[in-house]
N, C-alpha and C. Protein backbone atom coordinates (compact mmCIF):
# COMPACT_ATOMS: atom_id res chain seq x y z
N MET A 1 8.89 1.75 30.75
CA MET A 1 7.72 0.96 31.06
C MET A 1 6.61 1.59 30.21
N SER A 2 5.95 0.78 29.35
CA SER A 2 4.85 1.28 28.60
C SER A 2 3.48 1.15 29.33
N LYS A 3 2.69 2.15 29.11
CA LYS A 3 1.38 2.19 29.69
C LYS A 3 0.41 1.41 28.85
N ALA A 4 -0.54 0.71 29.48
CA ALA A 4 -1.50 -0.15 28.77
C ALA A 4 -2.40 0.80 27.93
N PHE A 5 -2.85 0.37 26.81
CA PHE A 5 -3.69 1.13 25.92
C PHE A 5 -5.09 1.30 26.61
N ASP A 6 -5.61 2.60 26.62
CA ASP A 6 -6.88 2.86 27.24
C ASP A 6 -8.00 2.68 26.29
N MET A 7 -8.64 1.59 26.22
CA MET A 7 -9.77 1.31 25.30
C MET A 7 -10.93 2.23 25.56
N GLU A 8 -11.16 2.65 26.83
CA GLU A 8 -12.28 3.46 27.10
C GLU A 8 -12.05 4.93 26.52
N LEU A 9 -10.88 5.36 26.60
CA LEU A 9 -10.54 6.70 26.01
C LEU A 9 -10.63 6.63 24.50
N PHE A 10 -10.13 5.49 23.93
CA PHE A 10 -10.17 5.32 22.46
C PHE A 10 -11.57 5.35 21.89
N LEU A 11 -12.49 4.70 22.55
CA LEU A 11 -13.89 4.67 22.08
C LEU A 11 -14.80 5.77 22.54
N ALA A 12 -14.28 6.61 23.44
CA ALA A 12 -15.17 7.65 24.04
C ALA A 12 -15.88 8.51 22.98
N GLY A 13 -15.29 8.84 21.92
CA GLY A 13 -15.93 9.69 20.92
C GLY A 13 -17.02 9.08 20.11
N VAL A 14 -17.04 7.69 20.05
CA VAL A 14 -18.01 7.00 19.23
C VAL A 14 -19.04 6.23 20.04
N LEU A 15 -18.89 6.14 21.29
CA LEU A 15 -19.83 5.41 22.14
C LEU A 15 -21.14 6.24 22.32
N THR A 16 -22.20 5.62 22.00
CA THR A 16 -23.51 6.26 22.19
C THR A 16 -24.45 5.17 22.83
N GLY A 17 -25.61 5.62 23.18
CA GLY A 17 -26.60 4.65 23.80
C GLY A 17 -26.59 4.80 25.25
N SER A 18 -27.25 3.81 25.78
CA SER A 18 -27.45 3.71 27.26
C SER A 18 -26.14 3.39 27.97
N HIS A 19 -26.09 3.59 29.26
CA HIS A 19 -24.94 3.34 30.06
C HIS A 19 -24.56 1.81 29.87
N THR A 20 -25.64 0.95 29.94
CA THR A 20 -25.33 -0.48 29.85
C THR A 20 -24.81 -0.87 28.45
N THR A 21 -25.30 -0.21 27.40
CA THR A 21 -24.74 -0.49 26.09
C THR A 21 -23.32 -0.07 25.95
N ARG A 22 -23.01 1.15 26.43
CA ARG A 22 -21.62 1.65 26.42
C ARG A 22 -20.71 0.67 27.16
N GLN A 23 -21.18 0.21 28.36
CA GLN A 23 -20.38 -0.68 29.13
C GLN A 23 -20.13 -1.96 28.47
N ARG A 24 -21.09 -2.58 27.78
CA ARG A 24 -21.04 -3.77 27.01
C ARG A 24 -20.01 -3.66 25.91
N HIS A 25 -20.09 -2.49 25.13
CA HIS A 25 -19.02 -2.25 24.06
C HIS A 25 -17.69 -2.14 24.65
N LEU A 26 -17.53 -1.53 25.75
CA LEU A 26 -16.16 -1.39 26.33
C LEU A 26 -15.62 -2.80 26.84
N ARG A 27 -16.49 -3.55 27.51
CA ARG A 27 -16.11 -4.90 27.95
C ARG A 27 -15.77 -5.79 26.75
N GLN A 28 -16.50 -5.71 25.71
CA GLN A 28 -16.19 -6.54 24.53
C GLN A 28 -15.02 -6.11 23.74
N ALA A 29 -14.80 -4.76 23.69
CA ALA A 29 -13.64 -4.24 23.02
C ALA A 29 -12.35 -4.59 23.80
N LYS A 30 -12.39 -4.65 25.05
CA LYS A 30 -11.25 -5.07 25.86
C LYS A 30 -11.05 -6.55 25.65
N ALA A 31 -12.09 -7.35 25.54
CA ALA A 31 -11.90 -8.79 25.25
C ALA A 31 -11.32 -9.02 23.88
N ILE A 32 -11.73 -8.24 22.89
CA ILE A 32 -11.13 -8.33 21.56
C ILE A 32 -9.69 -7.90 21.56
N GLN A 33 -9.37 -6.86 22.30
CA GLN A 33 -8.04 -6.34 22.47
C GLN A 33 -7.15 -7.48 23.06
N THR A 34 -7.60 -8.14 24.11
CA THR A 34 -6.79 -9.13 24.78
C THR A 34 -6.59 -10.32 23.80
N ALA A 35 -7.61 -10.78 23.08
CA ALA A 35 -7.47 -11.90 22.22
C ALA A 35 -6.49 -11.58 21.10
N ILE A 36 -6.52 -10.40 20.55
CA ILE A 36 -5.66 -10.03 19.39
C ILE A 36 -4.24 -9.86 19.93
N ALA A 37 -4.05 -9.33 21.14
CA ALA A 37 -2.76 -9.16 21.73
C ALA A 37 -2.16 -10.50 22.04
N ASP A 38 -2.97 -11.45 22.46
CA ASP A 38 -2.46 -12.79 22.77
C ASP A 38 -1.92 -13.46 21.48
N ARG A 39 -2.78 -13.31 20.40
CA ARG A 39 -2.53 -14.04 19.17
C ARG A 39 -1.34 -13.40 18.37
N TRP A 40 -1.43 -12.06 18.26
CA TRP A 40 -0.61 -11.31 17.36
C TRP A 40 0.36 -10.36 18.08
N GLN A 41 0.27 -10.25 19.36
CA GLN A 41 1.02 -9.24 20.17
C GLN A 41 0.84 -7.83 19.65
N ARG A 42 -0.39 -7.50 19.30
CA ARG A 42 -0.80 -6.11 18.85
C ARG A 42 -1.85 -5.71 19.84
N ASP A 43 -1.46 -4.88 20.89
CA ASP A 43 -2.47 -4.51 21.87
C ASP A 43 -3.05 -3.09 21.52
N ASN A 44 -2.58 -2.44 20.57
CA ASN A 44 -2.97 -1.14 20.22
C ASN A 44 -3.87 -1.22 18.92
N PRO A 45 -5.15 -0.81 19.02
CA PRO A 45 -6.03 -0.89 17.85
C PRO A 45 -5.52 -0.16 16.58
N TRP A 46 -4.68 0.82 16.79
CA TRP A 46 -4.18 1.54 15.62
C TRP A 46 -3.24 0.68 14.79
N THR A 47 -2.79 -0.46 15.38
CA THR A 47 -1.93 -1.39 14.60
C THR A 47 -2.66 -2.56 14.06
N TRP A 48 -4.00 -2.62 14.29
CA TRP A 48 -4.79 -3.75 13.84
C TRP A 48 -5.09 -3.64 12.31
N GLN A 49 -5.23 -4.78 11.70
CA GLN A 49 -5.68 -4.91 10.35
C GLN A 49 -7.04 -5.61 10.37
N GLN A 50 -7.71 -5.53 9.20
CA GLN A 50 -9.00 -6.15 9.06
C GLN A 50 -8.93 -7.63 9.42
N LYS A 51 -7.81 -8.25 9.03
CA LYS A 51 -7.75 -9.76 9.28
C LYS A 51 -7.75 -10.08 10.80
N HIS A 52 -7.28 -9.19 11.65
CA HIS A 52 -7.28 -9.47 13.05
C HIS A 52 -8.73 -9.45 13.57
N LEU A 53 -9.59 -8.55 13.17
CA LEU A 53 -10.93 -8.56 13.61
C LEU A 53 -11.78 -9.70 12.95
N THR A 54 -11.42 -9.99 11.74
CA THR A 54 -12.13 -11.08 11.06
C THR A 54 -11.80 -12.42 11.80
N TRP A 55 -10.52 -12.58 12.18
CA TRP A 55 -10.10 -13.74 12.88
C TRP A 55 -10.88 -13.77 14.18
N PHE A 56 -10.99 -12.69 14.90
CA PHE A 56 -11.61 -12.76 16.15
C PHE A 56 -13.11 -13.23 16.01
N LEU A 57 -13.79 -12.70 14.98
CA LEU A 57 -15.19 -13.08 14.77
C LEU A 57 -15.29 -14.53 14.31
N ASN A 58 -14.44 -14.96 13.47
CA ASN A 58 -14.56 -16.27 12.91
C ASN A 58 -14.06 -17.44 13.88
N HIS A 59 -13.08 -17.14 14.74
CA HIS A 59 -12.50 -18.19 15.56
C HIS A 59 -12.73 -17.98 17.02
N HIS A 60 -12.73 -16.77 17.47
CA HIS A 60 -12.76 -16.59 18.95
C HIS A 60 -14.14 -16.67 19.48
N VAL A 61 -15.15 -16.17 18.79
CA VAL A 61 -16.54 -16.21 19.31
C VAL A 61 -17.43 -17.13 18.54
N ASN A 62 -16.81 -17.94 17.70
CA ASN A 62 -17.59 -18.88 16.85
C ASN A 62 -18.51 -19.87 17.60
N GLN A 63 -18.09 -20.28 18.80
CA GLN A 63 -18.82 -21.22 19.56
C GLN A 63 -19.90 -20.53 20.53
N HIS A 64 -19.98 -19.25 20.56
CA HIS A 64 -20.92 -18.54 21.38
C HIS A 64 -22.34 -18.51 20.77
N ALA A 65 -23.24 -18.13 21.58
CA ALA A 65 -24.63 -18.04 21.08
C ALA A 65 -24.75 -16.95 19.97
N GLU A 66 -25.73 -17.17 19.06
CA GLU A 66 -25.86 -16.29 17.93
C GLU A 66 -25.99 -14.74 18.39
N SER A 67 -26.76 -14.55 19.53
CA SER A 67 -26.94 -13.20 19.98
C SER A 67 -25.58 -12.58 20.49
N THR A 68 -24.76 -13.37 21.09
CA THR A 68 -23.43 -12.91 21.55
C THR A 68 -22.59 -12.56 20.38
N ARG A 69 -22.60 -13.41 19.27
CA ARG A 69 -21.79 -13.12 18.12
C ARG A 69 -22.34 -11.83 17.47
N TYR A 70 -23.57 -11.59 17.46
CA TYR A 70 -24.12 -10.29 16.91
C TYR A 70 -23.60 -9.14 17.71
N TYR A 71 -23.62 -9.20 19.05
CA TYR A 71 -23.23 -8.05 19.87
C TYR A 71 -21.72 -7.79 19.66
N TYR A 72 -20.93 -8.90 19.53
CA TYR A 72 -19.49 -8.67 19.25
C TYR A 72 -19.31 -8.09 17.81
N LEU A 73 -20.15 -8.47 16.93
CA LEU A 73 -20.11 -7.86 15.54
C LEU A 73 -20.38 -6.35 15.60
N LEU A 74 -21.33 -5.96 16.44
CA LEU A 74 -21.62 -4.56 16.61
C LEU A 74 -20.40 -3.80 17.15
N THR A 75 -19.75 -4.36 18.12
CA THR A 75 -18.55 -3.83 18.68
C THR A 75 -17.40 -3.72 17.67
N VAL A 76 -17.26 -4.75 16.84
CA VAL A 76 -16.26 -4.69 15.81
C VAL A 76 -16.53 -3.57 14.88
N HIS A 77 -17.80 -3.35 14.48
CA HIS A 77 -18.14 -2.24 13.62
C HIS A 77 -17.85 -0.94 14.30
N LEU A 78 -18.07 -0.78 15.47
CA LEU A 78 -17.79 0.36 16.26
C LEU A 78 -16.24 0.68 16.29
N LEU A 79 -15.43 -0.37 16.41
CA LEU A 79 -14.00 -0.20 16.42
C LEU A 79 -13.54 0.25 15.01
N ALA A 80 -14.04 -0.44 13.97
CA ALA A 80 -13.67 -0.05 12.60
C ALA A 80 -14.11 1.42 12.32
N HIS A 81 -15.23 1.82 12.85
CA HIS A 81 -15.71 3.21 12.61
C HIS A 81 -14.70 4.15 13.37
N ARG A 82 -14.35 3.84 14.58
CA ARG A 82 -13.37 4.72 15.32
C ARG A 82 -12.03 4.78 14.62
N LEU A 83 -11.63 3.66 14.02
CA LEU A 83 -10.31 3.66 13.27
C LEU A 83 -10.44 4.38 11.96
N GLY A 84 -11.67 4.70 11.54
CA GLY A 84 -11.87 5.39 10.24
C GLY A 84 -11.65 4.48 9.09
N LYS A 85 -11.92 3.22 9.29
CA LYS A 85 -11.64 2.21 8.11
C LYS A 85 -13.04 1.79 7.58
N PRO A 86 -13.02 1.61 6.26
CA PRO A 86 -14.30 1.21 5.56
C PRO A 86 -14.47 -0.25 5.49
N TRP A 87 -14.12 -1.00 6.53
CA TRP A 87 -13.96 -2.40 6.52
C TRP A 87 -15.49 -2.98 6.58
N GLN A 88 -15.64 -4.03 5.75
CA GLN A 88 -16.93 -4.83 5.82
C GLN A 88 -16.60 -6.18 6.46
N PHE A 89 -17.48 -6.64 7.24
CA PHE A 89 -17.30 -7.89 7.94
C PHE A 89 -18.41 -8.87 7.56
N ASN A 90 -17.99 -9.96 6.90
CA ASN A 90 -18.91 -11.13 6.60
C ASN A 90 -18.43 -12.24 7.41
N ARG A 91 -19.18 -12.80 8.24
CA ARG A 91 -18.69 -13.88 9.10
C ARG A 91 -19.50 -15.16 8.86
N GLN A 92 -18.88 -16.20 8.74
CA GLN A 92 -19.56 -17.54 8.57
C GLN A 92 -19.55 -18.19 9.97
N ALA A 93 -20.69 -18.56 10.39
CA ALA A 93 -20.90 -19.31 11.65
C ALA A 93 -21.70 -20.56 11.36
N LYS A 94 -21.28 -21.65 12.04
CA LYS A 94 -22.01 -22.89 11.93
C LYS A 94 -23.10 -22.92 12.96
N VAL A 95 -24.29 -23.09 12.51
CA VAL A 95 -25.49 -23.25 13.40
C VAL A 95 -26.14 -24.52 13.02
N ASN A 96 -26.29 -25.48 13.84
CA ASN A 96 -26.94 -26.76 13.50
C ASN A 96 -26.29 -27.42 12.24
N ASN A 97 -24.95 -27.40 12.25
CA ASN A 97 -24.15 -27.97 11.16
C ASN A 97 -24.44 -27.42 9.83
N ARG A 98 -25.12 -26.25 9.70
CA ARG A 98 -25.36 -25.56 8.44
C ARG A 98 -24.63 -24.27 8.51
N PRO A 99 -23.84 -23.89 7.43
CA PRO A 99 -23.23 -22.57 7.35
C PRO A 99 -24.32 -21.52 7.37
N LYS A 100 -24.18 -20.54 8.15
CA LYS A 100 -25.12 -19.36 8.17
C LYS A 100 -24.25 -18.11 7.96
N ALA A 101 -24.56 -17.30 6.99
CA ALA A 101 -23.80 -16.08 6.68
C ALA A 101 -24.36 -15.01 7.56
N VAL A 102 -23.50 -14.30 8.22
CA VAL A 102 -23.87 -13.15 8.93
C VAL A 102 -23.15 -11.92 8.28
N ALA A 103 -23.92 -11.13 7.57
CA ALA A 103 -23.33 -10.06 6.82
C ALA A 103 -23.77 -8.68 7.29
N CYS A 104 -22.84 -7.82 7.23
CA CYS A 104 -23.20 -6.43 7.70
C CYS A 104 -22.63 -5.53 6.60
N ALA A 105 -23.47 -4.51 6.33
CA ALA A 105 -23.00 -3.55 5.33
C ALA A 105 -22.28 -2.39 5.92
């Protein structure tokens, strides 16, 4: 029997900020983990590729409010930092039927 991956332990070294901010990152990281596990059967972040996180940003949270998408983008950056990957995320989101680029360096 395999034990579920502990996202809180995984992010413990890189989580900073207030208690509320840390809890939001954990909650969103678990939502990301669940979505990727459902789509690609990869529940362990160590097995993720950049395409998995890009898919999540482009398809899973595409219909959410801009502020929600921004907070998920911050969590994705935190995950990439924890994985030690130099990944860049540019996400296209449609707002008022116009493409809007959300880029992070």
